[in-house]
Amino acid sequence: MKRRNFIKQVGGASALAMVGGLTLPAFTEKKQRHITILHTNDTHSHIEPFKPSHRRYANQGGVARRATLVEQIRKENPNTLLLDAGDIFQGTPYFNYFGGEIEFKLMSMLKYDVATLGNHDFDNSIDGFYKQLPNAKFDFVCANYDFKNTVLDTHVKPYKILIKDGIKIGIFGLGIELEGLVNKQLYKETKYLNPVEIAQDITNELKNEQKCDLVICLSHLGYYYKNNPDKISDLNLAKVTKNIDLIIGGHTHTFLPKPTIVKNMDDKNMLINQVGAYGVNVGRVDFYFDEDLNKTSTGTTILV
């Protein structure tokens, strides 16, 4: 009797599962994958918060507060990346006395994943930057600086690929033209390559050859130049390229409360974000992927 009752129960459950031609797995919820991108730019050696008496940034910023914020977000979403868009050096006595050692050590403690170089990162010369690299437990990328005949050859890669929750993320860097901005003796034999051409080549490689699901550009080109609108900038780069999902910018200290949406050359949306300077803000962009790897995004800027 017990065996017959068991068979009846199982048969009934199977019939219920097949009602309307649906099997039980059809009721399972589709998995959505969530990648969080946190980013800074132009921190300029600001280690401590601004003083309460500061006219503009009173009691704002500070690496310790940023660390607390980043740790909290990582607990919410372990699939979080922390990136920087350059000009890590120059701006306080910490750099004057320690030459970048403190900045790199603190960024390593915060577990930055990838950064690019800004023009002020050459202020102690390319040799000074190289000297501090052992303190950086994260990678530097820049695709349009040719370091072939310098000490940075092989130490700065064009791009880095990371995988979070099965999502393949390609991150490449672009730097501003150094001639006329930085003394030639400081950057030595570094060659500047056209960022538009480089971006087109790199993004094609990342998207079509490396099969990246998300492509991020760490740019120190500047957001936009009103007095020179044709100068290469993040806004102009976005319009003449494709395959970039997010440009994280620097150099112009532009504060954006949320990412700017720009149509790329394929008429698809591309995000651009930049969060001012001095570590006062942290940018946050969240990407959500469905099972077919279609993505949506949200973005904001967080005051530290």
Protein backbone atom coordinates (compact mmCIF):
# COMPACT_ATOMS: atom_id res chain seq x y z
CA MET A 1 0.00 0.00 0.00
CA LYS A 2 2.74 2.37 0.94
CA ARG A 3 4.46 1.79 -2.42
CA ARG A 4 1.22 2.38 -4.37
CA ASN A 5 0.51 5.60 -2.45
CA PHE A 6 4.03 6.82 -3.15
CA ILE A 7 3.68 6.20 -6.89
CA LYS A 8 0.34 8.02 -6.93
CA GLN A 9 1.88 11.00 -5.14
CA VAL A 10 4.85 11.16 -7.53
CA GLY A 11 2.55 10.76 -10.55
CA GLY A 12 0.36 13.61 -9.29
CA ALA A 13 3.34 15.88 -8.79
CA SER A 14 4.61 15.09 -12.30
CA ALA A 15 1.21 15.84 -13.80
CA LEU A 16 1.10 19.17 -11.95
CA ALA A 17 4.54 20.04 -13.25
CA MET A 18 3.36 19.44 -16.82
CA VAL A 19 0.18 21.55 -16.61
CA GLY A 20 0.06 23.85 -19.62
CA GLY A 21 3.07 22.07 -21.14
CA LEU A 22 5.47 23.68 -18.61
CA THR A 23 8.08 21.79 -16.68
CA LEU A 24 9.32 22.87 -13.26
CA PRO A 25 12.58 24.47 -14.51
CA ALA A 26 10.49 26.93 -16.54
CA PHE A 27 9.43 28.56 -13.27
CA THR A 28 12.99 29.18 -12.10
CA GLU A 29 14.08 32.79 -12.06
CA LYS A 30 16.60 33.85 -14.67
CA LYS A 31 19.98 34.74 -13.20
CA GLN A 32 21.06 38.37 -13.43
CA ARG A 33 24.73 39.16 -12.96
CA HIS A 34 25.74 42.43 -11.35
CA ILE A 35 29.13 44.18 -11.78
CA THR A 36 29.93 47.33 -9.81
CA ILE A 37 32.60 49.75 -11.02
CA LEU A 38 34.00 52.22 -8.46
CA HIS A 39 36.41 54.86 -9.65
CA THR A 40 38.50 57.91 -8.78
CA ASN A 41 40.55 60.43 -10.76
CA ASP A 42 42.98 63.27 -10.05
CA THR A 43 43.39 62.41 -6.38
CA HIS A 44 46.65 64.44 -6.41
CA SER A 45 48.26 63.01 -3.27
CA HIS A 46 45.36 64.02 -1.02
CA ILE A 47 45.66 61.50 1.79
CA GLU A 48 43.80 63.29 4.58
CA PRO A 49 40.34 64.92 4.54
CA PHE A 50 40.13 68.63 3.90
CA LYS A 51 40.01 70.72 7.07
CA PRO A 52 36.64 71.93 8.40
CA SER A 53 37.70 75.48 7.54
CA HIS A 54 38.31 74.74 3.83
CA ARG A 55 36.30 77.15 1.68
CA ARG A 56 35.12 74.54 -0.83
CA TYR A 57 35.67 70.98 0.43
CA ALA A 58 35.24 71.40 4.19
CA ASN A 59 35.66 68.05 5.99
CA GLN A 60 35.44 66.07 2.74
CA GLY A 61 37.63 63.38 1.21
CA GLY A 62 40.38 61.34 2.81
CA VAL A 63 41.70 57.88 1.95
CA ALA A 64 40.48 56.28 5.20
CA ARG A 65 36.89 57.31 4.47
CA ARG A 66 37.21 56.11 0.90
CA ALA A 67 38.45 52.75 2.20
CA THR A 68 35.39 52.42 4.45
CA LEU A 69 33.07 53.25 1.57
CA VAL A 70 34.74 50.79 -0.80
CA GLU A 71 34.72 48.02 1.79
CA GLN A 72 31.01 48.55 2.42
CA ILE A 73 30.17 48.35 -1.30
CA ARG A 74 32.32 45.25 -1.75
CA LYS A 75 30.34 43.56 1.01
CA GLU A 76 27.13 44.43 -0.84
CA ASN A 77 28.53 43.17 -4.14
CA PRO A 78 31.72 41.06 -4.19
CA ASN A 79 31.87 41.56 -7.97
CA THR A 80 33.25 45.09 -7.61
CA LEU A 81 36.21 46.71 -9.37
CA LEU A 82 38.11 49.79 -8.15
CA LEU A 83 39.76 51.87 -10.89
CA ASP A 84 41.65 55.16 -11.21
CA ALA A 85 42.02 57.51 -14.19
CA GLY A 86 45.37 59.10 -13.37
CA ASP A 87 47.09 62.07 -11.71
CA ILE A 88 47.68 60.11 -8.55
CA PHE A 89 50.76 62.23 -7.80
CA GLN A 90 51.38 65.90 -6.94
CA GLY A 91 49.37 68.21 -4.76
CA THR A 92 50.38 67.82 -1.10
CA PRO A 93 53.63 67.51 0.91
CA TYR A 94 53.12 63.73 1.00
CA PHE A 95 54.29 63.62 -2.59
CA ASN A 96 57.07 66.16 -2.06
CA TYR A 97 58.55 64.10 0.79
CA PHE A 98 57.83 60.51 -0.27
CA GLY A 99 57.71 60.74 -4.08
CA GLY A 100 54.55 58.66 -4.53
CA GLU A 101 55.35 55.84 -2.13
CA ILE A 102 52.47 56.67 0.22
CA GLU A 103 49.93 57.01 -2.60
CA PHE A 104 50.76 53.63 -4.15
CA LYS A 105 50.88 51.84 -0.80
CA LEU A 106 47.48 53.20 0.22
CA MET A 107 45.92 52.37 -3.15
CA SER A 108 47.29 48.85 -2.75
CA MET A 109 45.70 48.61 0.71
CA LEU A 110 42.38 49.68 -0.84
CA LYS A 111 42.93 46.92 -3.42
CA TYR A 112 42.68 49.01 -6.55
CA ASP A 113 42.48 46.76 -9.59
CA VAL A 114 43.74 48.95 -12.46
CA ALA A 115 44.88 52.56 -12.99
CA THR A 116 46.21 54.69 -15.83
CA LEU A 117 48.78 57.48 -15.87
CA GLY A 118 48.11 61.20 -15.84
CA ASN A 119 50.53 63.94 -16.82
CA HIS A 120 51.40 64.71 -13.17
CA ASP A 121 52.45 61.12 -12.64
CA PHE A 122 55.60 62.11 -14.55
CA ASP A 123 56.42 64.98 -12.16
CA ASN A 124 59.27 63.02 -10.56
CA SER A 125 60.24 61.87 -14.04
CA ILE A 126 59.55 58.51 -15.61
CA ASP A 127 62.34 57.11 -13.43
CA GLY A 128 60.62 58.39 -10.29
CA PHE A 129 57.39 56.68 -11.32
CA TYR A 130 59.26 53.45 -12.06
CA LYS A 131 60.98 53.60 -8.67
CA GLN A 132 57.59 53.51 -6.91
CA LEU A 133 56.10 50.64 -8.94
CA PRO A 134 57.09 47.96 -6.36
CA ASN A 135 54.68 49.72 -3.97
CA ALA A 136 51.76 49.34 -6.41
CA LYS A 137 50.01 45.98 -6.04
CA PHE A 138 47.76 46.78 -8.97
CA ASP A 139 48.22 47.16 -12.73
CA PHE A 140 48.79 50.25 -14.86
CA VAL A 141 47.41 50.42 -18.39
CA CYS A 142 47.98 52.93 -21.18
CA ALA A 143 47.60 52.03 -24.84
CA ASN A 144 48.70 55.26 -26.53
CA TYR A 145 51.99 55.84 -24.70
CA ASP A 146 54.78 53.87 -26.35
CA PHE A 147 57.27 53.14 -23.56
CA LYS A 148 59.48 50.93 -25.72
CA ASN A 149 62.73 52.83 -25.10
CA THR A 150 62.06 53.67 -21.45
CA VAL A 151 62.23 51.97 -18.06
CA LEU A 152 58.45 51.48 -18.16
CA ASP A 153 58.63 49.15 -21.17
CA THR A 154 56.59 46.00 -20.35
CA HIS A 155 55.59 47.45 -16.94
CA VAL A 156 52.62 49.41 -18.35
CA LYS A 157 50.35 47.27 -20.52
CA PRO A 158 47.90 48.54 -23.18
CA TYR A 159 45.03 46.75 -21.46
CA LYS A 160 44.08 44.33 -18.71
CA ILE A 161 41.35 41.66 -18.79
CA LEU A 162 39.56 40.70 -15.56
CA ILE A 163 36.74 38.23 -15.00
CA LYS A 164 34.03 38.80 -12.40
CA ASP A 165 31.15 36.32 -12.00
CA GLY A 166 31.89 34.96 -15.47
CA ILE A 167 31.76 38.45 -17.05
CA LYS A 168 34.89 39.22 -19.08
CA ILE A 169 35.95 42.85 -18.57
CA GLY A 170 38.56 44.55 -20.76
CA ILE A 171 40.15 47.73 -19.36
CA PHE A 172 42.48 49.92 -21.42
CA GLY A 173 44.08 53.32 -20.82
CA LEU A 174 44.53 56.50 -22.85
CA GLY A 175 46.81 59.39 -21.89
CA ILE A 176 46.93 63.06 -22.84
CA GLU A 177 49.64 64.42 -25.14
CA LEU A 178 52.64 65.18 -22.93
CA GLU A 179 54.49 67.55 -25.26
CA GLY A 180 53.89 71.12 -24.16
CA LEU A 181 52.37 69.92 -20.91
CA VAL A 182 55.29 68.05 -19.34
CA ASN A 183 59.01 68.77 -19.63
CA LYS A 184 60.53 66.37 -22.18
CA GLN A 185 63.30 65.51 -19.70
CA LEU A 186 60.66 64.02 -17.42
CA TYR A 187 58.97 61.66 -19.86
CA LYS A 188 62.10 61.09 -21.96
CA GLU A 189 61.57 58.73 -24.94
CA THR A 190 57.87 58.12 -24.29
CA LYS A 191 55.99 58.43 -27.60
CA TYR A 192 52.42 59.70 -27.81
CA LEU A 193 50.19 57.80 -30.23
CA ASN A 194 46.86 58.99 -31.67
CA PRO A 195 44.27 58.02 -29.04
CA VAL A 196 41.40 57.67 -31.52
CA GLU A 197 43.27 55.24 -33.76
CA ILE A 198 44.58 53.33 -30.76
CA ALA A 199 41.11 53.14 -29.18
CA GLN A 200 39.61 51.80 -32.40
CA ASP A 201 42.27 49.08 -32.62
CA ILE A 202 42.20 48.14 -28.94
CA THR A 203 38.41 47.99 -28.65
CA ASN A 204 38.20 45.82 -31.76
CA GLU A 205 40.70 43.44 -30.18
CA LEU A 206 38.94 43.42 -26.80
CA LYS A 207 35.44 43.00 -28.21
CA ASN A 208 35.92 40.81 -31.24
CA GLU A 209 39.11 38.85 -30.55
CA GLN A 210 39.17 38.63 -26.75
CA LYS A 211 35.34 38.44 -26.59
CA CYS A 212 35.00 40.85 -23.68
CA ASP A 213 31.47 41.40 -22.38
CA LEU A 214 32.33 44.84 -20.96
CA VAL A 215 34.94 47.32 -22.25
CA ILE A 216 36.12 50.20 -20.05
CA CYS A 217 38.46 53.04 -21.02
CA LEU A 218 40.51 54.75 -18.30
CA SER A 219 41.09 58.13 -19.92
CA HIS A 220 43.26 61.06 -18.94
CA LEU A 221 42.33 63.01 -22.07
CA GLY A 222 39.94 65.43 -20.34
CA TYR A 223 36.15 65.58 -20.48
CA TYR A 224 35.74 68.46 -22.99
CA TYR A 225 37.43 71.76 -23.90
CA LYS A 226 35.00 74.62 -24.53
CA ASN A 227 37.75 76.89 -25.83
CA ASN A 228 39.04 74.17 -28.14
CA PRO A 229 36.05 71.96 -29.01
CA ASP A 230 37.93 69.95 -31.65
CA LYS A 231 40.64 68.86 -29.22
CA ILE A 232 40.49 65.17 -28.43
CA SER A 233 38.49 64.63 -25.26
CA ASP A 234 36.25 61.98 -23.75
CA LEU A 235 33.15 63.42 -25.42
CA ASN A 236 34.83 63.55 -28.81
CA LEU A 237 36.37 60.10 -28.39
CA ALA A 238 32.98 58.58 -27.63
CA LYS A 239 31.44 59.92 -30.83
CA VAL A 240 34.09 58.48 -33.16
CA THR A 241 34.56 55.05 -31.60
CA LYS A 242 32.47 51.98 -30.82
CA ASN A 243 32.63 48.97 -28.50
CA ILE A 244 33.41 51.08 -25.40
CA ASP A 245 30.78 50.73 -22.68
CA LEU A 246 32.23 53.19 -20.17
CA ILE A 247 34.84 55.94 -20.27
CA ILE A 248 36.19 56.85 -16.84
CA GLY A 249 37.81 60.24 -17.27
CA GLY A 250 40.32 62.53 -15.63
CA HIS A 251 42.55 65.58 -16.16
CA THR A 252 39.92 68.34 -16.38
CA HIS A 253 38.65 67.80 -12.79
CA THR A 254 35.11 67.71 -14.16
CA PHE A 255 32.44 66.88 -11.62
CA LEU A 256 29.53 64.85 -12.98
CA PRO A 257 26.69 63.95 -10.58
CA LYS A 258 25.95 60.99 -12.82
CA PRO A 259 27.45 59.59 -16.05
CA THR A 260 26.91 61.42 -19.33
CA ILE A 261 25.28 59.31 -22.06
CA VAL A 262 26.75 59.80 -25.54
CA LYS A 263 25.85 58.12 -28.82
CA ASN A 264 28.87 56.37 -30.32
CA MET A 265 29.54 55.95 -34.04
CA ASP A 266 27.11 53.00 -34.12
CA ASP A 267 24.42 55.15 -32.49
CA LYS A 268 24.64 53.11 -29.30
CA ASN A 269 24.79 54.54 -25.80
CA MET A 270 28.20 55.00 -24.21
CA LEU A 271 28.71 56.22 -20.64
CA ILE A 272 31.27 58.84 -19.58
CA ASN A 273 31.96 59.64 -15.95
CA GLN A 274 34.41 61.84 -14.04
CA VAL A 275 34.19 62.79 -10.38
CA GLY A 276 36.06 66.05 -9.87
CA ALA A 277 39.34 65.74 -8.00
CA TYR A 278 41.26 65.26 -4.72
CA GLY A 279 39.38 62.14 -3.60
CA VAL A 280 36.32 64.14 -2.59
CA ASN A 281 34.04 61.84 -4.59
CA VAL A 282 33.92 58.24 -5.75
CA GLY A 283 32.12 57.34 -8.95
CA ARG A 284 29.88 54.28 -9.07
CA VAL A 285 28.50 52.58 -12.18
CA ASP A 286 26.52 49.34 -11.91
CA PHE A 287 26.11 47.00 -14.88
CA TYR A 288 23.44 44.29 -14.92
CA PHE A 289 23.68 41.35 -17.34
CA ASP A 290 20.86 38.98 -18.21
CA GLU A 291 21.39 35.37 -19.32
CA ASP A 292 22.05 36.51 -22.89
CA LEU A 293 24.61 39.05 -21.62
CA ASN A 294 22.42 41.99 -22.60
CA LYS A 295 23.30 44.80 -20.21
CA THR A 296 21.69 47.75 -18.49
CA SER A 297 23.38 50.25 -16.22
CA THR A 298 22.93 52.87 -13.52
CA GLY A 299 25.43 55.43 -12.28
CA THR A 300 25.95 57.96 -9.54
CA THR A 301 28.62 59.94 -7.71
CA ILE A 302 29.18 59.41 -3.98
CA LEU A 303 30.47 62.20 -1.73
CA VAL A 304 33.24 61.00 0.57
